[in-house]
PDB file of N, CA and C in Angstrom:
ATOM      1  N   MET A   1      -3.103 -27.062  -2.367  1.00  0.00           N
ATOM      2  CA  MET A   1      -2.304 -25.999  -1.780  1.00  0.00           C
ATOM      3  C   MET A   1      -2.321 -26.159  -0.260  1.00  0.00           C
ATOM      4  N   THR A   2      -1.149 -26.101   0.362  1.00  0.00           N
ATOM      5  CA  THR A   2      -1.068 -26.222   1.818  1.00  0.00           C
ATOM      6  C   THR A   2      -1.546 -24.929   2.478  1.00  0.00           C
ATOM      7  N   ASP A   3      -1.790 -25.008   3.791  1.00  0.00           N
ATOM      8  CA  ASP A   3      -2.193 -23.811   4.539  1.00  0.00           C
ATOM      9  C   ASP A   3      -1.135 -22.717   4.420  1.00  0.00           C
ATOM     10  N   LYS A   4       0.137 -23.104   4.507  1.00  0.00           N
ATOM     11  CA  LYS A   4       1.219 -22.119   4.416  1.00  0.00           C
ATOM     12  C   LYS A   4       1.236 -21.470   3.032  1.00  0.00           C
ATOM     13  N   GLN A   5       1.115 -22.276   1.989  1.00  0.00           N
ATOM     14  CA  GLN A   5       1.095 -21.734   0.630  1.00  0.00           C
ATOM     15  C   GLN A   5      -0.101 -20.808   0.433  1.00  0.00           C
ATOM     16  N   ASN A   6      -1.237 -21.188   0.985  1.00  0.00           N
ATOM     17  CA  ASN A   6      -2.442 -20.363   0.896  1.00  0.00           C
ATOM     18  C   ASN A   6      -2.234 -19.033   1.620  1.00  0.00           C
ATOM     19  N   SER A   7      -1.633 -19.086   2.807  1.00  0.00           N
ATOM     20  CA  SER A   7      -1.363 -17.861   3.568  1.00  0.00           C
ATOM     21  C   SER A   7      -0.400 -16.946   2.813  1.00  0.00           C
ATOM     22  N   ILE A   8       0.622 -17.527   2.213  1.00  0.00           N
ATOM     23  CA  ILE A   8       1.579 -16.742   1.428  1.00  0.00           C
ATOM     24  C   ILE A   8       0.872 -16.081   0.244  1.00  0.00           C
ATOM     25  N   ALA A   9       0.029 -16.840  -0.443  1.00  0.00           N
ATOM     26  CA  ALA A   9      -0.697 -16.294  -1.595  1.00  0.00           C
ATOM     27  C   ALA A   9      -1.593 -15.128  -1.184  1.00  0.00           C
ATOM     28  N   ILE A  10      -2.280 -15.268  -0.054  1.00  0.00           N
ATOM     29  CA  ILE A  10      -3.156 -14.192   0.427  1.00  0.00           C
ATOM     30  C   ILE A  10      -2.333 -12.955   0.779  1.00  0.00           C
ATOM     31  N   LEU A  11      -1.243 -13.147   1.520  1.00  0.00           N
ATOM     32  CA  LEU A  11      -0.392 -12.011   1.889  1.00  0.00           C
ATOM     33  C   LEU A  11       0.176 -11.317   0.651  1.00  0.00           C
ATOM     34  N   GLU A  12       0.616 -12.101  -0.319  1.00  0.00           N
ATOM     35  CA  GLU A  12       1.198 -11.513  -1.529  1.00  0.00           C
ATOM     36  C   GLU A  12       0.157 -10.795  -2.385  1.00  0.00           C
ATOM     37  N   SER A  13      -1.097 -11.222  -2.280  1.00  0.00           N
ATOM     38  CA  SER A  13      -2.144 -10.553  -3.061  1.00  0.00           C
ATOM     39  C   SER A  13      -2.609  -9.256  -2.406  1.00  0.00           C
ATOM     40  N   THR A  14      -2.319  -9.094  -1.121  1.00  0.00           N
ATOM     41  CA  THR A  14      -2.784  -7.901  -0.402  1.00  0.00           C
ATOM     42  C   THR A  14      -1.657  -6.952  -0.003  1.00  0.00           C
ATOM     43  N   HIS A  15      -0.411  -7.361  -0.214  1.00  0.00           N
ATOM     44  CA  HIS A  15       0.740  -6.528   0.137  1.00  0.00           C
ATOM     45  C   HIS A  15       1.750  -6.551  -0.999  1.00  0.00           C
ATOM     46  N   ASN A  16       2.475  -5.456  -1.149  1.00  0.00           N
ATOM     47  CA  ASN A  16       3.522  -5.356  -2.157  1.00  0.00           C
ATOM     48  C   ASN A  16       4.871  -5.396  -1.429  1.00  0.00           C
ATOM     49  N   PHE A  17       5.405  -6.605  -1.239  1.00  0.00           N
ATOM     50  CA  PHE A  17       6.648  -6.782  -0.488  1.00  0.00           C
ATOM     51  C   PHE A  17       7.841  -6.312  -1.295  1.00  0.00           C
ATOM     52  N   PRO A  18       8.859  -5.731  -0.642  1.00  0.00           N
ATOM     53  CA  PRO A  18       8.938  -5.418   0.789  1.00  0.00           C
ATOM     54  C   PRO A  18       8.024  -4.238   1.124  1.00  0.00           C
ATOM     55  N   CYS A  19       7.486  -4.278   2.340  1.00  0.00           N
ATOM     56  CA  CYS A  19       6.567  -3.228   2.768  1.00  0.00           C
ATOM     57  C   CYS A  19       6.493  -3.192   4.295  1.00  0.00           C
ATOM     58  N   GLU A  20       5.881  -2.119   4.795  1.00  0.00           N
ATOM     59  CA  GLU A  20       5.616  -2.058   6.233  1.00  0.00           C
ATOM     60  C   GLU A  20       4.486  -3.023   6.550  1.00  0.00           C
ATOM     61  N   PHE A  21       4.629  -3.732   7.649  1.00  0.00           N
ATOM     62  CA  PHE A  21       3.605  -4.685   8.072  1.00  0.00           C
ATOM     63  C   PHE A  21       3.355  -4.477   9.558  1.00  0.00           C
ATOM     64  N   MET A  22       2.095  -4.471   9.946  1.00  0.00           N
ATOM     65  CA  MET A  22       1.741  -4.267  11.350  1.00  0.00           C
ATOM     66  C   MET A  22       1.449  -5.612  12.015  1.00  0.00           C
ATOM     67  N   PHE A  23       2.176  -5.885  13.083  1.00  0.00           N
ATOM     68  CA  PHE A  23       1.967  -7.074  13.903  1.00  0.00           C
ATOM     69  C   PHE A  23       1.298  -6.627  15.191  1.00  0.00           C
ATOM     70  N   LYS A  24       0.285  -7.362  15.626  1.00  0.00           N
ATOM     71  CA  LYS A  24      -0.380  -7.029  16.883  1.00  0.00           C
ATOM     72  C   LYS A  24      -0.443  -8.298  17.732  1.00  0.00           C
ATOM     73  N   VAL A  25       0.051  -8.176  18.958  1.00  0.00           N
ATOM     74  CA  VAL A  25       0.072  -9.291  19.902  1.00  0.00           C
ATOM     75  C   VAL A  25      -0.755  -8.889  21.112  1.00  0.00           C
ATOM     76  N   ILE A  26      -1.676  -9.740  21.494  1.00  0.00           N
ATOM     77  CA  ILE A  26      -2.449  -9.518  22.714  1.00  0.00           C
ATOM     78  C   ILE A  26      -2.061 -10.628  23.676  1.00  0.00           C
ATOM     79  N   GLY A  27      -1.688 -10.225  24.889  1.00  0.00           N
ATOM     80  CA  GLY A  27      -1.236 -11.223  25.838  1.00  0.00           C
ATOM     81  C   GLY A  27      -1.326 -10.744  27.267  1.00  0.00           C
ATOM     82  N   LYS A  28      -0.900 -11.626  28.163  1.00  0.00           N
ATOM     83  CA  LYS A  28      -0.903 -11.302  29.588  1.00  0.00           C
ATOM     84  C   LYS A  28       0.108 -10.195  29.856  1.00  0.00           C
ATOM     85  N   ASN A  29      -0.254  -9.277  30.719  1.00  0.00           N
ATOM     86  CA  ASN A  29       0.568  -8.112  31.016  1.00  0.00           C
ATOM     87  C   ASN A  29       1.779  -8.524  31.851  1.00  0.00           C
ATOM     88  N   SER A  30       2.936  -8.615  31.194  1.00  0.00           N
ATOM     89  CA  SER A  30       4.166  -8.951  31.920  1.00  0.00           C
ATOM     90  C   SER A  30       5.375  -8.407  31.169  1.00  0.00           C
ATOM     91  N   ASP A  31       6.408  -8.083  31.923  1.00  0.00           N
ATOM     92  CA  ASP A  31       7.657  -7.634  31.315  1.00  0.00           C
ATOM     93  C   ASP A  31       8.264  -8.740  30.463  1.00  0.00           C
ATOM     94  N   GLN A  32       8.109  -9.994  30.905  1.00  0.00           N
ATOM     95  CA  GLN A  32       8.674 -11.124  30.172  1.00  0.00           C
ATOM     96  C   GLN A  32       8.062 -11.239  28.777  1.00  0.00           C
ATOM     97  N   LEU A  33       6.770 -10.984  28.658  1.00  0.00           N
ATOM     98  CA  LEU A  33       6.118 -11.024  27.349  1.00  0.00           C
ATOM     99  C   LEU A  33       6.775 -10.015  26.407  1.00  0.00           C
ATOM    100  N   LEU A  34       6.998  -8.804  26.888  1.00  0.00           N
ATOM    101  CA  LEU A  34       7.619  -7.766  26.060  1.00  0.00           C
ATOM    102  C   LEU A  34       9.049  -8.137  25.666  1.00  0.00           C
ATOM    103  N   ILE A  35       9.780  -8.735  26.585  1.00  0.00           N
ATOM    104  CA  ILE A  35      11.153  -9.169  26.298  1.00  0.00           C
ATOM    105  C   ILE A  35      11.153 -10.229  25.201  1.00  0.00           C
ATOM    106  N   GLU A  36      10.252 -11.194  25.305  1.00  0.00           N
ATOM    107  CA  GLU A  36      10.217 -12.279  24.325  1.00  0.00           C
ATOM    108  C   GLU A  36       9.741 -11.801  22.958  1.00  0.00           C
ATOM    109  N   ILE A  37       8.797 -10.859  22.933  1.00  0.00           N
ATOM    110  CA  ILE A  37       8.372 -10.275  21.657  1.00  0.00           C
ATOM    111  C   ILE A  37       9.555  -9.565  21.009  1.00  0.00           C
ATOM    112  N   ASN A  38      10.280  -8.784  21.787  1.00  0.00           N
ATOM    113  CA  ASN A  38      11.466  -8.085  21.281  1.00  0.00           C
ATOM    114  C   ASN A  38      12.485  -9.084  20.729  1.00  0.00           C
ATOM    115  N   ASN A  39      12.679 -10.197  21.428  1.00  0.00           N
ATOM    116  CA  ASN A  39      13.630 -11.217  20.981  1.00  0.00           C
ATOM    117  C   ASN A  39      13.259 -11.780  19.614  1.00  0.00           C
ATOM    118  N   VAL A  40      11.969 -11.995  19.375  1.00  0.00           N
ATOM    119  CA  VAL A  40      11.523 -12.515  18.080  1.00  0.00           C
ATOM    120  C   VAL A  40      11.928 -11.556  16.962  1.00  0.00           C
ATOM    121  N   PHE A  41      11.686 -10.270  17.166  1.00  0.00           N
ATOM    122  CA  PHE A  41      12.027  -9.299  16.129  1.00  0.00           C
ATOM    123  C   PHE A  41      13.537  -9.156  15.959  1.00  0.00           C
ATOM    124  N   GLN A  42      14.293  -9.334  17.036  1.00  0.00           N
ATOM    125  CA  GLN A  42      15.755  -9.326  16.924  1.00  0.00           C
ATOM    126  C   GLN A  42      16.224 -10.508  16.083  1.00  0.00           C
ATOM    127  N   GLN A  43      15.655 -11.684  16.344  1.00  0.00           N
ATOM    128  CA  GLN A  43      16.090 -12.900  15.661  1.00  0.00           C
ATOM    129  C   GLN A  43      15.684 -12.921  14.191  1.00  0.00           C
ATOM    130  N   VAL A  44      14.443 -12.567  13.899  1.00  0.00           N
ATOM    131  CA  VAL A  44      13.939 -12.707  12.533  1.00  0.00           C
ATOM    132  C   VAL A  44      14.297 -11.513  11.652  1.00  0.00           C
ATOM    133  N   LEU A  45      14.158 -10.306  12.186  1.00  0.00           N
ATOM    134  CA  LEU A  45      14.357  -9.106  11.377  1.00  0.00           C
ATOM    135  C   LEU A  45      15.658  -8.369  11.691  1.00  0.00           C
ATOM    136  N   ALA A  46      16.435  -8.892  12.629  1.00  0.00           N
ATOM    137  CA  ALA A  46      17.709  -8.275  13.025  1.00  0.00           C
ATOM    138  C   ALA A  46      17.519  -6.828  13.470  1.00  0.00           C
ATOM    139  N   ILE A  47      16.457  -6.591  14.225  1.00  0.00           N
ATOM    140  CA  ILE A  47      16.177  -5.262  14.763  1.00  0.00           C
ATOM    141  C   ILE A  47      16.620  -5.271  16.217  1.00  0.00           C
ATOM    142  N   PRO A  48      17.584  -4.413  16.591  1.00  0.00           N
ATOM    143  CA  PRO A  48      18.113  -4.461  17.954  1.00  0.00           C
ATOM    144  C   PRO A  48      17.073  -4.171  19.034  1.00  0.00           C
ATOM    145  N   ASN A  49      16.257  -3.173  18.835  1.00  0.00           N
ATOM    146  CA  ASN A  49      15.214  -2.839  19.807  1.00  0.00           C
ATOM    147  C   ASN A  49      13.988  -2.338  19.075  1.00  0.00           C
ATOM    148  N   VAL A  50      12.895  -3.071  19.202  1.00  0.00           N
ATOM    149  CA  VAL A  50      11.650  -2.605  18.594  1.00  0.00           C
ATOM    150  C   VAL A  50      11.019  -1.575  19.519  1.00  0.00           C
ATOM    151  N   GLU A  51      10.257  -0.689  18.950  1.00  0.00           N
ATOM    152  CA  GLU A  51       9.554   0.318  19.739  1.00  0.00           C
ATOM    153  C   GLU A  51       8.062   0.113  19.546  1.00  0.00           C
ATOM    154  N   PRO A  52       7.480  -0.764  20.343  1.00  0.00           N
ATOM    155  CA  PRO A  52       6.064  -1.074  20.165  1.00  0.00           C
ATOM    156  C   PRO A  52       5.147  -0.008  20.764  1.00  0.00           C
ATOM    157  N   ALA A  53       3.941   0.026  20.245  1.00  0.00           N
ATOM    158  CA  ALA A  53       2.874   0.796  20.884  1.00  0.00           C
ATOM    159  C   ALA A  53       2.175  -0.186  21.816  1.00  0.00           C
ATOM    160  N   ILE A  54       2.061   0.172  23.079  1.00  0.00           N
ATOM    161  CA  ILE A  54       1.501  -0.741  24.081  1.00  0.00           C
ATOM    162  C   ILE A  54       0.267  -0.114  24.704  1.00  0.00           C
ATOM    163  N   ARG A  55      -0.806  -0.903  24.743  1.00  0.00           N
ATOM    164  CA  ARG A  55      -2.028  -0.466  25.425  1.00  0.00           C
ATOM    165  C   ARG A  55      -2.413  -1.527  26.444  1.00  0.00           C
ATOM    166  N   GLU A  56      -2.779  -1.076  27.610  1.00  0.00           N
ATOM    167  CA  GLU A  56      -3.173  -1.967  28.698  1.00  0.00           C
ATOM    168  C   GLU A  56      -4.697  -2.007  28.777  1.00  0.00           C
ATOM    169  N   THR A  57      -5.247  -3.183  29.078  1.00  0.00           N
ATOM    170  CA  THR A  57      -6.690  -3.282  29.267  1.00  0.00           C
ATOM    171  C   THR A  57      -7.075  -2.544  30.543  1.00  0.00           C
ATOM    172  N   PRO A  58      -8.337  -2.127  30.657  1.00  0.00           N
ATOM    173  CA  PRO A  58      -8.749  -1.382  31.855  1.00  0.00           C
ATOM    174  C   PRO A  58      -8.411  -2.091  33.170  1.00  0.00           C
ATOM    175  N   GLY A  59      -8.538  -3.398  33.211  1.00  0.00           N
ATOM    176  CA  GLY A  59      -8.225  -4.136  34.428  1.00  0.00           C
ATOM    177  C   GLY A  59      -6.742  -4.391  34.623  1.00  0.00           C
ATOM    178  N   GLY A  60      -5.941  -4.165  33.568  1.00  0.00           N
ATOM    179  CA  GLY A  60      -4.499  -4.331  33.669  1.00  0.00           C
ATOM    180  C   GLY A  60      -3.993  -5.746  33.500  1.00  0.00           C
ATOM    181  N   ARG A  61      -4.884  -6.703  33.236  1.00  0.00           N
ATOM    182  CA  ARG A  61      -4.448  -8.100  33.123  1.00  0.00           C
ATOM    183  C   ARG A  61      -3.781  -8.408  31.785  1.00  0.00           C
ATOM    184  N   HIS A  62      -4.166  -7.675  30.747  1.00  0.00           N
ATOM    185  CA  HIS A  62      -3.646  -7.945  29.408  1.00  0.00           C
ATOM    186  C   HIS A  62      -3.129  -6.664  28.767  1.00  0.00           C
ATOM    187  N   ILE A  63      -2.269  -6.861  27.761  1.00  0.00           N
ATOM    188  CA  ILE A  63      -1.779  -5.727  26.977  1.00  0.00           C
ATOM    189  C   ILE A  63      -1.902  -6.053  25.491  1.00  0.00           C
ATOM    190  N   SER A  64      -1.989  -4.994  24.714  1.00  0.00           N
ATOM    191  CA  SER A  64      -1.952  -5.088  23.263  1.00  0.00           C
ATOM    192  C   SER A  64      -0.637  -4.451  22.826  1.00  0.00           C
ATOM    193  N   VAL A  65       0.149  -5.199  22.079  1.00  0.00           N
ATOM    194  CA  VAL A  65       1.456  -4.732  21.624  1.00  0.00           C
ATOM    195  C   VAL A  65       1.412  -4.650  20.098  1.00  0.00           C
ATOM    196  N   THR A  66       1.602  -3.451  19.565  1.00  0.00           N
ATOM    197  CA  THR A  66       1.578  -3.249  18.117  1.00  0.00           C
ATOM    198  C   THR A  66       2.960  -2.833  17.645  1.00  0.00           C
ATOM    199  N   ILE A  67       3.453  -3.558  16.634  1.00  0.00           N
ATOM    200  CA  ILE A  67       4.773  -3.280  16.077  1.00  0.00           C
ATOM    201  C   ILE A  67       4.636  -3.213  14.560  1.00  0.00           C
ATOM    202  N   THR A  68       5.091  -2.110  13.985  1.00  0.00           N
ATOM    203  CA  THR A  68       5.084  -1.955  12.531  1.00  0.00           C
ATOM    204  C   THR A  68       6.530  -1.941  12.053  1.00  0.00           C
ATOM    205  N   GLN A  69       6.842  -2.879  11.157  1.00  0.00           N
ATOM    206  CA  GLN A  69       8.206  -3.009  10.639  1.00  0.00           C
ATOM    207  C   GLN A  69       8.173  -3.317   9.151  1.00  0.00           C
ATOM    208  N   VAL A  70       9.240  -2.963   8.460  1.00  0.00           N
ATOM    209  CA  VAL A  70       9.377  -3.338   7.057  1.00  0.00           C
ATOM    210  C   VAL A  70       9.794  -4.804   7.002  1.00  0.00           C
ATOM    211  N   VAL A  71       9.070  -5.582   6.201  1.00  0.00           N
ATOM    212  CA  VAL A  71       9.400  -6.999   6.020  1.00  0.00           C
ATOM    213  C   VAL A  71       9.637  -7.265   4.537  1.00  0.00           C
ATOM    214  N   LYS A  72      10.523  -8.221   4.260  1.00  0.00           N
ATOM    215  CA  LYS A  72      10.928  -8.498   2.880  1.00  0.00           C
ATOM    216  C   LYS A  72       9.937  -9.354   2.113  1.00  0.00           C
ATOM    217  N   SER A  73       9.221 -10.243   2.839  1.00  0.00           N
ATOM    218  CA  SER A  73       8.388 -11.205   2.122  1.00  0.00           C
ATOM    219  C   SER A  73       7.283 -11.752   3.019  1.00  0.00           C
ATOM    220  N   ALA A  74       6.343 -12.425   2.380  1.00  0.00           N
ATOM    221  CA  ALA A  74       5.261 -13.077   3.114  1.00  0.00           C
ATOM    222  C   ALA A  74       5.819 -14.171   4.023  1.00  0.00           C
ATOM    223  N   GLU A  75       6.869 -14.836   3.572  1.00  0.00           N
ATOM    224  CA  GLU A  75       7.478 -15.896   4.375  1.00  0.00           C
ATOM    225  C   GLU A  75       8.007 -15.350   5.697  1.00  0.00           C
ATOM    226  N   VAL A  76       8.569 -14.145   5.665  1.00  0.00           N
ATOM    227  CA  VAL A  76       9.077 -13.514   6.888  1.00  0.00           C
ATOM    228  C   VAL A  76       7.923 -13.217   7.839  1.00  0.00           C
ATOM    229  N   VAL A  77       6.817 -12.724   7.306  1.00  0.00           N
ATOM    230  CA  VAL A  77       5.634 -12.456   8.137  1.00  0.00           C
ATOM    231  C   VAL A  77       5.199 -13.735   8.840  1.00  0.00           C
ATOM    232  N   LEU A  78       5.110 -14.826   8.095  1.00  0.00           N
ATOM    233  CA  LEU A  78       4.679 -16.097   8.683  1.00  0.00           C
ATOM    234  C   LEU A  78       5.677 -16.609   9.713  1.00  0.00           C
ATOM    235  N   ASP A  79       6.967 -16.390   9.479  1.00  0.00           N
ATOM    236  CA  ASP A  79       7.995 -16.794  10.436  1.00  0.00           C
ATOM    237  C   ASP A  79       7.838 -16.023  11.746  1.00  0.00           C
ATOM    238  N   VAL A  80       7.618 -14.709  11.645  1.00  0.00           N
ATOM    239  CA  VAL A  80       7.419 -13.897  12.854  1.00  0.00           C
ATOM    240  C   VAL A  80       6.204 -14.405  13.622  1.00  0.00           C
ATOM    241  N   TYR A  81       5.087 -14.604  12.925  1.00  0.00           N
ATOM    242  CA  TYR A  81       3.874 -15.076  13.599  1.00  0.00           C
ATOM    243  C   TYR A  81       4.080 -16.452  14.241  1.00  0.00           C
ATOM    244  N   ALA A  82       4.788 -17.345  13.563  1.00  0.00           N
ATOM    245  CA  ALA A  82       5.037 -18.681  14.117  1.00  0.00           C
ATOM    246  C   ALA A  82       5.824 -18.589  15.424  1.00  0.00           C
ATOM    247  N   ARG A  83       6.811 -17.710  15.461  1.00  0.00           N
ATOM    248  CA  ARG A  83       7.619 -17.552  16.679  1.00  0.00           C
ATOM    249  C   ARG A  83       6.837 -16.847  17.786  1.00  0.00           C
ATOM    250  N   LEU A  84       6.035 -15.843  17.416  1.00  0.00           N
ATOM    251  CA  LEU A  84       5.223 -15.150  18.428  1.00  0.00           C
ATOM    252  C   LEU A  84       4.219 -16.109  19.058  1.00  0.00           C
ATOM    253  N   ARG A  85       3.676 -17.014  18.246  1.00  0.00           N
ATOM    254  CA  ARG A  85       2.680 -17.976  18.724  1.00  0.00           C
ATOM    255  C   ARG A  85       3.243 -18.876  19.831  1.00  0.00           C
ATOM    256  N   GLN A  86       4.554 -19.074  19.855  1.00  0.00           N
ATOM    257  CA  GLN A  86       5.188 -19.968  20.829  1.00  0.00           C
ATOM    258  C   GLN A  86       5.448 -19.311  22.185  1.00  0.00           C
ATOM    259  N   ILE A  87       5.249 -18.014  22.279  1.00  0.00           N
ATOM    260  CA  ILE A  87       5.550 -17.295  23.519  1.00  0.00           C
ATOM    261  C   ILE A  87       4.459 -17.544  24.552  1.00  0.00           C
ATOM    262  N   ASP A  88       4.879 -17.932  25.761  1.00  0.00           N
ATOM    263  CA  ASP A  88       3.927 -18.094  26.863  1.00  0.00           C
ATOM    264  C   ASP A  88       3.280 -16.755  27.168  1.00  0.00           C
ATOM    265  N   GLY A  89       1.979 -16.781  27.351  1.00  0.00           N
ATOM    266  CA  GLY A  89       1.258 -15.565  27.691  1.00  0.00           C
ATOM    267  C   GLY A  89       0.584 -14.900  26.512  1.00  0.00           C
ATOM    268  N   VAL A  90       0.922 -15.325  25.282  1.00  0.00           N
ATOM    269  CA  VAL A  90       0.253 -14.766  24.103  1.00  0.00           C
ATOM    270  C   VAL A  90      -1.153 -15.353  24.028  1.00  0.00           C
ATOM    271  N   VAL A  91      -2.137 -14.468  23.908  1.00  0.00           N
ATOM    272  CA  VAL A  91      -3.533 -14.886  23.837  1.00  0.00           C
ATOM    273  C   VAL A  91      -4.024 -14.862  22.392  1.00  0.00           C
ATOM    274  N   MET A  92      -3.600 -13.837  21.639  1.00  0.00           N
ATOM    275  CA  MET A  92      -4.096 -13.676  20.276  1.00  0.00           C
ATOM    276  C   MET A  92      -3.088 -12.908  19.431  1.00  0.00           C
ATOM    277  N   LEU A  93      -3.033 -13.257  18.151  1.00  0.00           N
ATOM    278  CA  LEU A  93      -2.207 -12.530  17.185  1.00  0.00           C
ATOM    279  C   LEU A  93      -3.114 -11.992  16.094  1.00  0.00           C
ATOM    280  N   ILE A  94      -2.874 -10.738  15.722  1.00  0.00           N
ATOM    281  CA  ILE A  94      -3.684 -10.127  14.664  1.00  0.00           C
ATOM    282  C   ILE A  94      -2.732  -9.612  13.600  1.00  0.00           C
TER     283      ILE A  94
END
């Protein structure tokens, strides 16, 4: 089983798709990061404007961006994560 197949199997065993799924992105605090995160959700989920919950670290260098959206399948979740991973300034995905 490939890593992707394994990830799909795990997601399908823990979620009943379609369902709400929470994406969390931790990255450098910049407007560009938020724009690019929004673009990913526009492209993959056809959502015109996401409304994330944003928390800034005490020093202000990083932000945590949480977005909860309905997704159709485990494959869509993996597609979103793959695109988020490519954004400059992303430190961690949860």
